[in-house]
């Protein structure tokens, strides 16, 4: 099915699951769905329609949470950055809550710095699974991706220091592999070059690009391919100090079709420094 047909079917699935009013799709899309038995005469999704969405259902979530967070010293001297509370809630817990709200129960957290501090997450998330990355302080974050490579399929992948303000970004179904980002004329931060709806390159700073946030989704096929490419690159001496995102977008761009999924700066933000944390949550002010 194409993206328009997919979006219509997802909307009908959500309506049935939540009890909301079923939206009306454009006539040609509605006819296509009915011809295939995906909706009935009352514009309600059928079991066949739900089954058609199953290959697009997000089944896992992987959180990279191994780093130190040096720019948030002094607070990170005793607390990993993802475990910092903002307005009383841990940064990573907001992300986990969004994942669970989307029906995803298979959750992995890659930890490195102060790993025992993450154990408290099991109080609210007893099924969470930890992956330890002993190389976190001698390599770039590609080592975390390699450690979790077998689980990065039908999966959301998160940098765990993002303050998620709009949990609706994490949906039950995704059409294709993608990163979230904000279209901008210029950014000095990490960004995606996008051509014909396809992300073709990632770099620090750019013009007419998407300001990238570290939330991505990987389909089963792309996730399996990514696992292979991650291991291949990591085995190289010059591959151990790169960001994991470089593998698909810069090392093997022809092997993947990665889309940019649009969001806004109101949806999510990254807290880079202690001063920014103080601006967001004044409880950190002396």
C-alpha atoms as a PDB file:
ATOM      1  CA  UNK A   1       0.000   0.000   0.000  1.00  0.00           C
ATOM      2  CA  UNK A   2       1.156   3.552  -0.581  1.00  0.00           C
ATOM      3  CA  UNK A   3       1.610   6.152   2.150  1.00  0.00           C
ATOM      4  CA  UNK A   4      -1.834   7.713   1.742  1.00  0.00           C
ATOM      5  CA  UNK A   5      -3.539   4.331   1.973  1.00  0.00           C
ATOM      6  CA  UNK A   6      -1.379   3.444   4.967  1.00  0.00           C
ATOM      7  CA  UNK A   7      -2.211   6.681   6.793  1.00  0.00           C
ATOM      8  CA  UNK A   8      -5.922   6.157   6.228  1.00  0.00           C
ATOM      9  CA  UNK A   9      -5.800   2.588   7.511  1.00  0.00           C
ATOM     10  CA  UNK A  10      -3.778   3.609  10.575  1.00  0.00           C
ATOM     11  CA  UNK A  11      -6.326   6.321  11.372  1.00  0.00           C
ATOM     12  CA  UNK A  12      -9.139   3.768  11.188  1.00  0.00           C
ATOM     13  CA  UNK A  13      -7.245   1.323  13.402  1.00  0.00           C
ATOM     14  CA  UNK A  14      -6.697   4.031  16.007  1.00  0.00           C
ATOM     15  CA  UNK A  15     -10.354   5.042  15.859  1.00  0.00           C
ATOM     16  CA  UNK A  16     -11.492   1.482  16.510  1.00  0.00           C
ATOM     17  CA  UNK A  17      -8.965   0.951  19.303  1.00  0.00           C
ATOM     18  CA  UNK A  18      -9.729   4.210  21.100  1.00  0.00           C
ATOM     19  CA  UNK A  19     -13.431   4.496  20.368  1.00  0.00           C
ATOM     20  CA  UNK A  20     -12.994   7.746  18.459  1.00  0.00           C
ATOM     21  CA  UNK A  21     -15.048   8.673  15.415  1.00  0.00           C
ATOM     22  CA  UNK A  22     -13.722   7.010  12.279  1.00  0.00           C
ATOM     23  CA  UNK A  23     -12.284   9.575   9.844  1.00  0.00           C
ATOM     24  CA  UNK A  24     -13.315   9.589   6.213  1.00  0.00           C
ATOM     25  CA  UNK A  25     -10.607   8.886   3.675  1.00  0.00           C
ATOM     26  CA  UNK A  26     -10.559  10.347   0.151  1.00  0.00           C
ATOM     27  CA  UNK A  27     -12.949   8.468  -2.113  1.00  0.00           C
ATOM     28  CA  UNK A  28     -10.260   6.666  -4.114  1.00  0.00           C
ATOM     29  CA  UNK A  29      -8.452   5.576  -0.944  1.00  0.00           C
ATOM     30  CA  UNK A  30     -11.685   4.412   0.697  1.00  0.00           C
ATOM     31  CA  UNK A  31     -12.537   2.380  -2.413  1.00  0.00           C
ATOM     32  CA  UNK A  32      -9.070   0.786  -2.410  1.00  0.00           C
ATOM     33  CA  UNK A  33      -9.436  -0.212   1.259  1.00  0.00           C
ATOM     34  CA  UNK A  34     -12.909  -1.656   0.731  1.00  0.00           C
ATOM     35  CA  UNK A  35     -11.893  -3.594  -2.380  1.00  0.00           C
ATOM     36  CA  UNK A  36      -9.278  -5.409  -0.297  1.00  0.00           C
ATOM     37  CA  UNK A  37     -11.568  -6.037   2.627  1.00  0.00           C
ATOM     38  CA  UNK A  38      -9.583  -3.803   4.953  1.00  0.00           C
ATOM     39  CA  UNK A  39     -12.692  -1.841   5.968  1.00  0.00           C
ATOM     40  CA  UNK A  40     -16.347  -2.825   6.135  1.00  0.00           C
ATOM     41  CA  UNK A  41     -19.440  -0.992   4.953  1.00  0.00           C
ATOM     42  CA  UNK A  42     -19.515   1.058   8.160  1.00  0.00           C
ATOM     43  CA  UNK A  43     -16.004   2.432   7.572  1.00  0.00           C
ATOM     44  CA  UNK A  44     -14.603   0.256  10.341  1.00  0.00           C
ATOM     45  CA  UNK A  45     -11.271  -1.492  10.000  1.00  0.00           C
ATOM     46  CA  UNK A  46     -11.555  -5.277   9.695  1.00  0.00           C
ATOM     47  CA  UNK A  47      -9.301  -8.030  10.993  1.00  0.00           C
ATOM     48  CA  UNK A  48      -7.804  -8.171   7.498  1.00  0.00           C
ATOM     49  CA  UNK A  49      -7.005  -4.461   7.749  1.00  0.00           C
ATOM     50  CA  UNK A  50      -5.287  -4.917  11.111  1.00  0.00           C
ATOM     51  CA  UNK A  51      -3.339  -7.845   9.664  1.00  0.00           C
ATOM     52  CA  UNK A  52      -2.244  -5.672   6.719  1.00  0.00           C
ATOM     53  CA  UNK A  53      -0.759  -3.178   9.196  1.00  0.00           C
ATOM     54  CA  UNK A  54       1.133  -5.806  11.178  1.00  0.00           C
ATOM     55  CA  UNK A  55       4.368  -5.565   9.125  1.00  0.00           C
ATOM     56  CA  UNK A  56       4.429  -1.865  10.014  1.00  0.00           C
ATOM     57  CA  UNK A  57       3.858  -2.274  13.756  1.00  0.00           C
ATOM     58  CA  UNK A  58       6.630  -1.062  16.028  1.00  0.00           C
ATOM     59  CA  UNK A  59       7.683  -4.015  18.147  1.00  0.00           C
ATOM     60  CA  UNK A  60      10.786  -2.785  19.989  1.00  0.00           C
ATOM     61  CA  UNK A  61      12.496   0.275  21.391  1.00  0.00           C
ATOM     62  CA  UNK A  62      16.227   0.697  21.942  1.00  0.00           C
ATOM     63  CA  UNK A  63      17.619   3.460  24.136  1.00  0.00           C
ATOM     64  CA  UNK A  64      21.255   4.526  23.928  1.00  0.00           C
ATOM     65  CA  UNK A  65      22.116   5.689  27.435  1.00  0.00           C
ATOM     66  CA  UNK A  66      25.789   4.815  27.887  1.00  0.00           C
ATOM     67  CA  UNK A  67      27.473   8.235  27.735  1.00  0.00           C
ATOM     68  CA  UNK A  68      28.792  10.484  30.484  1.00  0.00           C
ATOM     69  CA  UNK A  69      27.221  13.844  29.617  1.00  0.00           C
ATOM     70  CA  UNK A  70      30.260  15.983  30.353  1.00  0.00           C
ATOM     71  CA  UNK A  71      28.520  19.265  29.506  1.00  0.00           C
ATOM     72  CA  UNK A  72      26.020  18.664  32.307  1.00  0.00           C
ATOM     73  CA  UNK A  73      28.634  18.493  35.039  1.00  0.00           C
ATOM     74  CA  UNK A  74      28.233  18.760  38.023  1.00  0.00           C
ATOM     75  CA  UNK A  75      24.920  16.912  37.987  1.00  0.00           C
ATOM     76  CA  UNK A  76      26.224  14.018  35.877  1.00  0.00           C
ATOM     77  CA  UNK A  77      29.061  13.293  38.305  1.00  0.00           C
ATOM     78  CA  UNK A  78      26.665  11.026  40.184  1.00  0.00           C
ATOM     79  CA  UNK A  79      23.763  10.633  37.746  1.00  0.00           C
ATOM     80  CA  UNK A  80      23.781   9.457  34.123  1.00  0.00           C
ATOM     81  CA  UNK A  81      22.320  12.159  31.878  1.00  0.00           C
ATOM     82  CA  UNK A  82      19.206  10.169  30.860  1.00  0.00           C
ATOM     83  CA  UNK A  83      18.364   9.652  34.550  1.00  0.00           C
ATOM     84  CA  UNK A  84      18.228  13.369  35.341  1.00  0.00           C
ATOM     85  CA  UNK A  85      14.806  14.527  36.444  1.00  0.00           C
ATOM     86  CA  UNK A  86      13.128  17.400  34.596  1.00  0.00           C
ATOM     87  CA  UNK A  87      10.054  18.707  36.393  1.00  0.00           C
ATOM     88  CA  UNK A  88      10.190  15.619  38.572  1.00  0.00           C
ATOM     89  CA  UNK A  89      10.346  12.993  35.806  1.00  0.00           C
ATOM     90  CA  UNK A  90      13.495  11.292  34.534  1.00  0.00           C
ATOM     91  CA  UNK A  91      14.323  12.209  30.942  1.00  0.00           C
ATOM     92  CA  UNK A  92      14.454   8.579  29.838  1.00  0.00           C
ATOM     93  CA  UNK A  93      11.210   7.727  31.649  1.00  0.00           C
ATOM     94  CA  UNK A  94       9.286  10.233  29.513  1.00  0.00           C
ATOM     95  CA  UNK A  95      10.553   8.402  26.449  1.00  0.00           C
ATOM     96  CA  UNK A  96       9.728   4.993  27.901  1.00  0.00           C
ATOM     97  CA  UNK A  97       6.218   6.173  28.788  1.00  0.00           C
ATOM     98  CA  UNK A  98       5.664   7.249  25.172  1.00  0.00           C
ATOM     99  CA  UNK A  99       6.915   3.898  23.912  1.00  0.00           C
ATOM    100  CA  UNK A 100       4.642   1.949  26.229  1.00  0.00           C
ATOM    101  CA  UNK A 101       1.665   4.130  25.284  1.00  0.00           C
ATOM    102  CA  UNK A 102       2.280   3.032  21.691  1.00  0.00           C
ATOM    103  CA  UNK A 103       1.909  -0.602  22.741  1.00  0.00           C
ATOM    104  CA  UNK A 104       5.618  -1.444  22.691  1.00  0.00           C
ATOM    105  CA  UNK A 105       6.708  -3.700  25.545  1.00  0.00           C
ATOM    106  CA  UNK A 106      10.071  -4.980  24.271  1.00  0.00           C
ATOM    107  CA  UNK A 107      12.401  -2.289  25.584  1.00  0.00           C
ATOM    108  CA  UNK A 108      16.210  -2.270  25.713  1.00  0.00           C
ATOM    109  CA  UNK A 109      18.471   0.250  27.434  1.00  0.00           C
ATOM    110  CA  UNK A 110      22.164   0.291  26.504  1.00  0.00           C
ATOM    111  CA  UNK A 111      24.071   1.510  29.535  1.00  0.00           C
ATOM    112  CA  UNK A 112      27.736   2.226  30.252  1.00  0.00           C
ATOM    113  CA  UNK A 113      28.471   5.085  32.649  1.00  0.00           C
ATOM    114  CA  UNK A 114      27.217   4.344  36.201  1.00  0.00           C
ATOM    115  CA  UNK A 115      25.194   1.342  35.036  1.00  0.00           C
ATOM    116  CA  UNK A 116      23.731   0.489  38.450  1.00  0.00           C
ATOM    117  CA  UNK A 117      21.932   3.853  38.520  1.00  0.00           C
ATOM    118  CA  UNK A 118      19.576   2.536  35.850  1.00  0.00           C
ATOM    119  CA  UNK A 119      18.306  -0.344  38.001  1.00  0.00           C
ATOM    120  CA  UNK A 120      15.672   1.911  39.544  1.00  0.00           C
ATOM    121  CA  UNK A 121      13.906   1.991  36.163  1.00  0.00           C
ATOM    122  CA  UNK A 122      12.758  -1.559  36.807  1.00  0.00           C
ATOM    123  CA  UNK A 123      10.457  -0.326  39.559  1.00  0.00           C
ATOM    124  CA  UNK A 124       8.193   1.305  36.963  1.00  0.00           C
ATOM    125  CA  UNK A 125       9.245  -0.834  34.000  1.00  0.00           C
ATOM    126  CA  UNK A 126       9.805  -4.399  35.285  1.00  0.00           C
ATOM    127  CA  UNK A 127      10.174  -5.895  31.808  1.00  0.00           C
ATOM    128  CA  UNK A 128      12.950  -3.538  30.712  1.00  0.00           C
ATOM    129  CA  UNK A 129      16.148  -5.242  29.520  1.00  0.00           C
ATOM    130  CA  UNK A 130      19.621  -3.823  29.963  1.00  0.00           C
ATOM    131  CA  UNK A 131      22.509  -4.170  27.523  1.00  0.00           C
ATOM    132  CA  UNK A 132      25.902  -3.270  28.938  1.00  0.00           C
ATOM    133  CA  UNK A 133      28.447  -1.480  26.770  1.00  0.00           C
ATOM    134  CA  UNK A 134      31.909  -1.792  28.353  1.00  0.00           C
ATOM    135  CA  UNK A 135      33.450   0.177  25.455  1.00  0.00           C
ATOM    136  CA  UNK A 136      31.388   3.332  25.974  1.00  0.00           C
ATOM    137  CA  UNK A 137      34.341   5.394  27.234  1.00  0.00           C
ATOM    138  CA  UNK A 138      36.855   4.316  24.575  1.00  0.00           C
ATOM    139  CA  UNK A 139      34.739   4.457  21.401  1.00  0.00           C
ATOM    140  CA  UNK A 140      32.007   6.656  19.958  1.00  0.00           C
ATOM    141  CA  UNK A 141      28.355   5.665  20.244  1.00  0.00           C
ATOM    142  CA  UNK A 142      28.696   3.146  17.422  1.00  0.00           C
ATOM    143  CA  UNK A 143      29.697   0.662  20.130  1.00  0.00           C
ATOM    144  CA  UNK A 144      26.259   1.033  21.720  1.00  0.00           C
ATOM    145  CA  UNK A 145      24.621   0.408  18.368  1.00  0.00           C
ATOM    146  CA  UNK A 146      26.727  -2.700  17.799  1.00  0.00           C
ATOM    147  CA  UNK A 147      25.801  -3.987  21.261  1.00  0.00           C
ATOM    148  CA  UNK A 148      22.080  -3.605  20.433  1.00  0.00           C
ATOM    149  CA  UNK A 149      22.277  -4.358  16.713  1.00  0.00           C
ATOM    150  CA  UNK A 150      20.105  -7.493  16.820  1.00  0.00           C
ATOM    151  CA  UNK A 151      17.184  -5.527  18.288  1.00  0.00           C
ATOM    152  CA  UNK A 152      17.187  -2.511  15.959  1.00  0.00           C
ATOM    153  CA  UNK A 153      14.498  -3.815  13.621  1.00  0.00           C
ATOM    154  CA  UNK A 154      10.812  -2.976  13.677  1.00  0.00           C
ATOM    155  CA  UNK A 155      12.180  -0.624  16.299  1.00  0.00           C
ATOM    156  CA  UNK A 156      12.441   2.928  17.488  1.00  0.00           C
ATOM    157  CA  UNK A 157      15.977   3.933  18.416  1.00  0.00           C
ATOM    158  CA  UNK A 158      16.468   6.800  20.852  1.00  0.00           C
ATOM    159  CA  UNK A 159      19.244   8.967  22.144  1.00  0.00           C
ATOM    160  CA  UNK A 160      18.107   8.898  25.746  1.00  0.00           C
ATOM    161  CA  UNK A 161      18.890  12.505  26.642  1.00  0.00           C
ATOM    162  CA  UNK A 162      16.050  14.022  24.621  1.00  0.00           C
ATOM    163  CA  UNK A 163      13.247  15.832  26.406  1.00  0.00           C
ATOM    164  CA  UNK A 164      10.126  14.581  24.653  1.00  0.00           C
ATOM    165  CA  UNK A 165       7.315  17.105  24.908  1.00  0.00           C
ATOM    166  CA  UNK A 166       5.015  15.478  22.359  1.00  0.00           C
ATOM    167  CA  UNK A 167       4.665  11.746  23.083  1.00  0.00           C
ATOM    168  CA  UNK A 168       2.388  11.503  20.053  1.00  0.00           C
ATOM    169  CA  UNK A 169       5.518  11.349  17.900  1.00  0.00           C
ATOM    170  CA  UNK A 170       5.873   7.737  18.992  1.00  0.00           C
ATOM    171  CA  UNK A 171       3.144   5.928  17.124  1.00  0.00           C
ATOM    172  CA  UNK A 172       2.094   2.298  16.950  1.00  0.00           C
ATOM    173  CA  UNK A 173       2.816   2.007  13.218  1.00  0.00           C
ATOM    174  CA  UNK A 174       5.500   3.409  10.934  1.00  0.00           C
ATOM    175  CA  UNK A 175       5.510   3.259   7.154  1.00  0.00           C
ATOM    176  CA  UNK A 176       9.257   3.373   6.534  1.00  0.00           C
ATOM    177  CA  UNK A 177      12.662   3.877   8.112  1.00  0.00           C
ATOM    178  CA  UNK A 178      12.964   7.479   9.245  1.00  0.00           C
ATOM    179  CA  UNK A 179      14.510  10.114  11.490  1.00  0.00           C
ATOM    180  CA  UNK A 180      12.528  12.939  12.994  1.00  0.00           C
ATOM    181  CA  UNK A 181      13.626  16.476  12.207  1.00  0.00           C
ATOM    182  CA  UNK A 182      12.609  20.083  11.723  1.00  0.00           C
ATOM    183  CA  UNK A 183      12.935  21.734   8.281  1.00  0.00           C
ATOM    184  CA  UNK A 184      15.234  24.753   8.666  1.00  0.00           C
ATOM    185  CA  UNK A 185      17.062  27.210   6.455  1.00  0.00           C
ATOM    186  CA  UNK A 186      20.215  26.767   8.557  1.00  0.00           C
ATOM    187  CA  UNK A 187      21.426  24.921  11.632  1.00  0.00           C
ATOM    188  CA  UNK A 188      24.788  24.529  13.330  1.00  0.00           C
ATOM    189  CA  UNK A 189      23.597  21.288  14.868  1.00  0.00           C
ATOM    190  CA  UNK A 190      23.264  17.800  13.394  1.00  0.00           C
ATOM    191  CA  UNK A 191      21.159  17.825  10.260  1.00  0.00           C
ATOM    192  CA  UNK A 192      19.902  15.701   7.398  1.00  0.00           C
ATOM    193  CA  UNK A 193      20.230  16.550   3.732  1.00  0.00           C
ATOM    194  CA  UNK A 194      16.949  15.505   2.125  1.00  0.00           C
ATOM    195  CA  UNK A 195      16.363  14.961  -1.585  1.00  0.00           C
ATOM    196  CA  UNK A 196      13.035  13.733  -2.974  1.00  0.00           C
ATOM    197  CA  UNK A 197      11.820  12.868   0.541  1.00  0.00           C
ATOM    198  CA  UNK A 198      14.909  10.742   1.161  1.00  0.00           C
ATOM    199  CA  UNK A 199      17.628  11.583   3.685  1.00  0.00           C
ATOM    200  CA  UNK A 200      20.905  11.289   1.806  1.00  0.00           C
ATOM    201  CA  UNK A 201      23.521  12.613   4.238  1.00  0.00           C
ATOM    202  CA  UNK A 202      24.054  13.540   7.868  1.00  0.00           C
ATOM    203  CA  UNK A 203      26.454  16.284   8.991  1.00  0.00           C
ATOM    204  CA  UNK A 204      27.096  18.853  11.687  1.00  0.00           C
ATOM    205  CA  UNK A 205      25.685  22.089  10.321  1.00  0.00           C
ATOM    206  CA  UNK A 206      23.945  22.766   7.041  1.00  0.00           C
ATOM    207  CA  UNK A 207      21.552  24.860   4.966  1.00  0.00           C
ATOM    208  CA  UNK A 208      18.091  23.976   3.654  1.00  0.00           C
ATOM    209  CA  UNK A 209      18.078  20.788   5.665  1.00  0.00           C
ATOM    210  CA  UNK A 210      16.328  19.042   8.537  1.00  0.00           C
ATOM    211  CA  UNK A 211      17.581  19.808  12.032  1.00  0.00           C
ATOM    212  CA  UNK A 212      17.865  16.222  13.255  1.00  0.00           C
ATOM    213  CA  UNK A 213      16.862  14.796  16.602  1.00  0.00           C
ATOM    214  CA  UNK A 214      18.079  11.416  17.772  1.00  0.00           C
ATOM    215  CA  UNK A 215      14.821   9.516  17.348  1.00  0.00           C
ATOM    216  CA  UNK A 216      14.668   7.113  14.435  1.00  0.00           C
ATOM    217  CA  UNK A 217      12.635   4.125  13.313  1.00  0.00           C
ATOM    218  CA  UNK A 218      14.022   1.087  11.479  1.00  0.00           C
ATOM    219  CA  UNK A 219      11.956  -1.432   9.555  1.00  0.00           C
ATOM    220  CA  UNK A 220      12.712  -5.123   9.821  1.00  0.00           C
ATOM    221  CA  UNK A 221      14.608  -5.247   6.516  1.00  0.00           C
ATOM    222  CA  UNK A 222      16.568  -2.053   7.138  1.00  0.00           C
ATOM    223  CA  UNK A 223      17.291  -3.057  10.739  1.00  0.00           C
ATOM    224  CA  UNK A 224      18.769  -6.384   9.685  1.00  0.00           C
ATOM    225  CA  UNK A 225      20.837  -4.661   7.013  1.00  0.00           C
ATOM    226  CA  UNK A 226      21.951  -2.037   9.512  1.00  0.00           C
ATOM    227  CA  UNK A 227      23.127  -4.660  12.001  1.00  0.00           C
ATOM    228  CA  UNK A 228      25.396  -6.159   9.350  1.00  0.00           C
ATOM    229  CA  UNK A 229      26.802  -2.798   8.262  1.00  0.00           C
ATOM    230  CA  UNK A 230      27.365  -1.646  11.855  1.00  0.00           C
ATOM    231  CA  UNK A 231      29.472  -4.707  12.618  1.00  0.00           C
ATOM    232  CA  UNK A 232      31.422  -4.357   9.379  1.00  0.00           C
ATOM    233  CA  UNK A 233      32.286  -0.725  10.088  1.00  0.00           C
ATOM    234  CA  UNK A 234      33.076  -1.328  13.752  1.00  0.00           C
ATOM    235  CA  UNK A 235      35.627  -3.981  12.870  1.00  0.00           C
ATOM    236  CA  UNK A 236      37.620  -1.315  11.048  1.00  0.00           C
ATOM    237  CA  UNK A 237      40.058   0.710  13.112  1.00  0.00           C
ATOM    238  CA  UNK A 238      38.726   3.955  11.611  1.00  0.00           C
ATOM    239  CA  UNK A 239      35.153   2.927  12.364  1.00  0.00           C
ATOM    240  CA  UNK A 240      35.300   2.880  16.136  1.00  0.00           C
ATOM    241  CA  UNK A 241      35.164   6.644  16.632  1.00  0.00           C
ATOM    242  CA  UNK A 242      32.181   7.502  14.443  1.00  0.00           C
ATOM    243  CA  UNK A 243      28.564   8.154  15.293  1.00  0.00           C
ATOM    244  CA  UNK A 244      26.375   5.169  14.554  1.00  0.00           C
ATOM    245  CA  UNK A 245      24.045   7.272  12.373  1.00  0.00           C
ATOM    246  CA  UNK A 246      26.924   7.734   9.912  1.00  0.00           C
ATOM    247  CA  UNK A 247      26.813   4.067   8.928  1.00  0.00           C
ATOM    248  CA  UNK A 248      23.531   4.138   7.021  1.00  0.00           C
ATOM    249  CA  UNK A 249      23.586   7.748   5.896  1.00  0.00           C
ATOM    250  CA  UNK A 250      27.249   8.350   5.060  1.00  0.00           C
ATOM    251  CA  UNK A 251      29.016   4.990   4.733  1.00  0.00           C
ATOM    252  CA  UNK A 252      26.288   2.975   2.943  1.00  0.00           C
ATOM    253  CA  UNK A 253      23.725   5.510   1.679  1.00  0.00           C
ATOM    254  CA  UNK A 254      22.782   3.410  -1.346  1.00  0.00           C
ATOM    255  CA  UNK A 255      21.805   0.476   0.868  1.00  0.00           C
ATOM    256  CA  UNK A 256      19.056   2.312   2.743  1.00  0.00           C
ATOM    257  CA  UNK A 257      16.054   4.493   1.997  1.00  0.00           C
ATOM    258  CA  UNK A 258      15.758   6.717   5.046  1.00  0.00           C
ATOM    259  CA  UNK A 259      13.012   9.319   5.201  1.00  0.00           C
ATOM    260  CA  UNK A 260      12.792  12.506   7.248  1.00  0.00           C
ATOM    261  CA  UNK A 261       9.681  12.631   9.441  1.00  0.00           C
ATOM    262  CA  UNK A 262       8.770  16.209  10.192  1.00  0.00           C
ATOM    263  CA  UNK A 263       8.350  17.510  13.728  1.00  0.00           C
ATOM    264  CA  UNK A 264       8.718  20.905  15.427  1.00  0.00           C
ATOM    265  CA  UNK A 265      11.028  22.386  18.032  1.00  0.00           C
ATOM    266  CA  UNK A 266       8.060  22.342  20.411  1.00  0.00           C
ATOM    267  CA  UNK A 267       7.859  18.546  20.157  1.00  0.00           C
ATOM    268  CA  UNK A 268      11.302  17.629  21.442  1.00  0.00           C
ATOM    269  CA  UNK A 269      14.515  19.264  22.590  1.00  0.00           C
ATOM    270  CA  UNK A 270      17.987  18.218  23.653  1.00  0.00           C
ATOM    271  CA  UNK A 271      19.401  19.497  26.930  1.00  0.00           C
ATOM    272  CA  UNK A 272      23.088  19.942  26.199  1.00  0.00           C
ATOM    273  CA  UNK A 273      24.359  21.986  29.134  1.00  0.00           C
ATOM    274  CA  UNK A 274      23.646  22.577  32.802  1.00  0.00           C
ATOM    275  CA  UNK A 275      22.638  26.148  31.973  1.00  0.00           C
ATOM    276  CA  UNK A 276      20.001  24.849  29.535  1.00  0.00           C
ATOM    277  CA  UNK A 277      18.730  22.471  32.215  1.00  0.00           C
ATOM    278  CA  UNK A 278      18.384  25.419  34.603  1.00  0.00           C
ATOM    279  CA  UNK A 279      16.452  27.383  31.978  1.00  0.00           C
ATOM    280  CA  UNK A 280      13.987  24.512  31.517  1.00  0.00           C
ATOM    281  CA  UNK A 281      13.648  23.531  35.166  1.00  0.00           C
ATOM    282  CA  UNK A 282      14.280  26.317  37.653  1.00  0.00           C
ATOM    283  CA  UNK A 283      14.540  23.841  40.535  1.00  0.00           C
ATOM    284  CA  UNK A 284      18.190  23.481  39.477  1.00  0.00           C
ATOM    285  CA  UNK A 285      18.868  27.150  40.161  1.00  0.00           C
ATOM    286  CA  UNK A 286      20.698  27.914  43.375  1.00  0.00           C
END
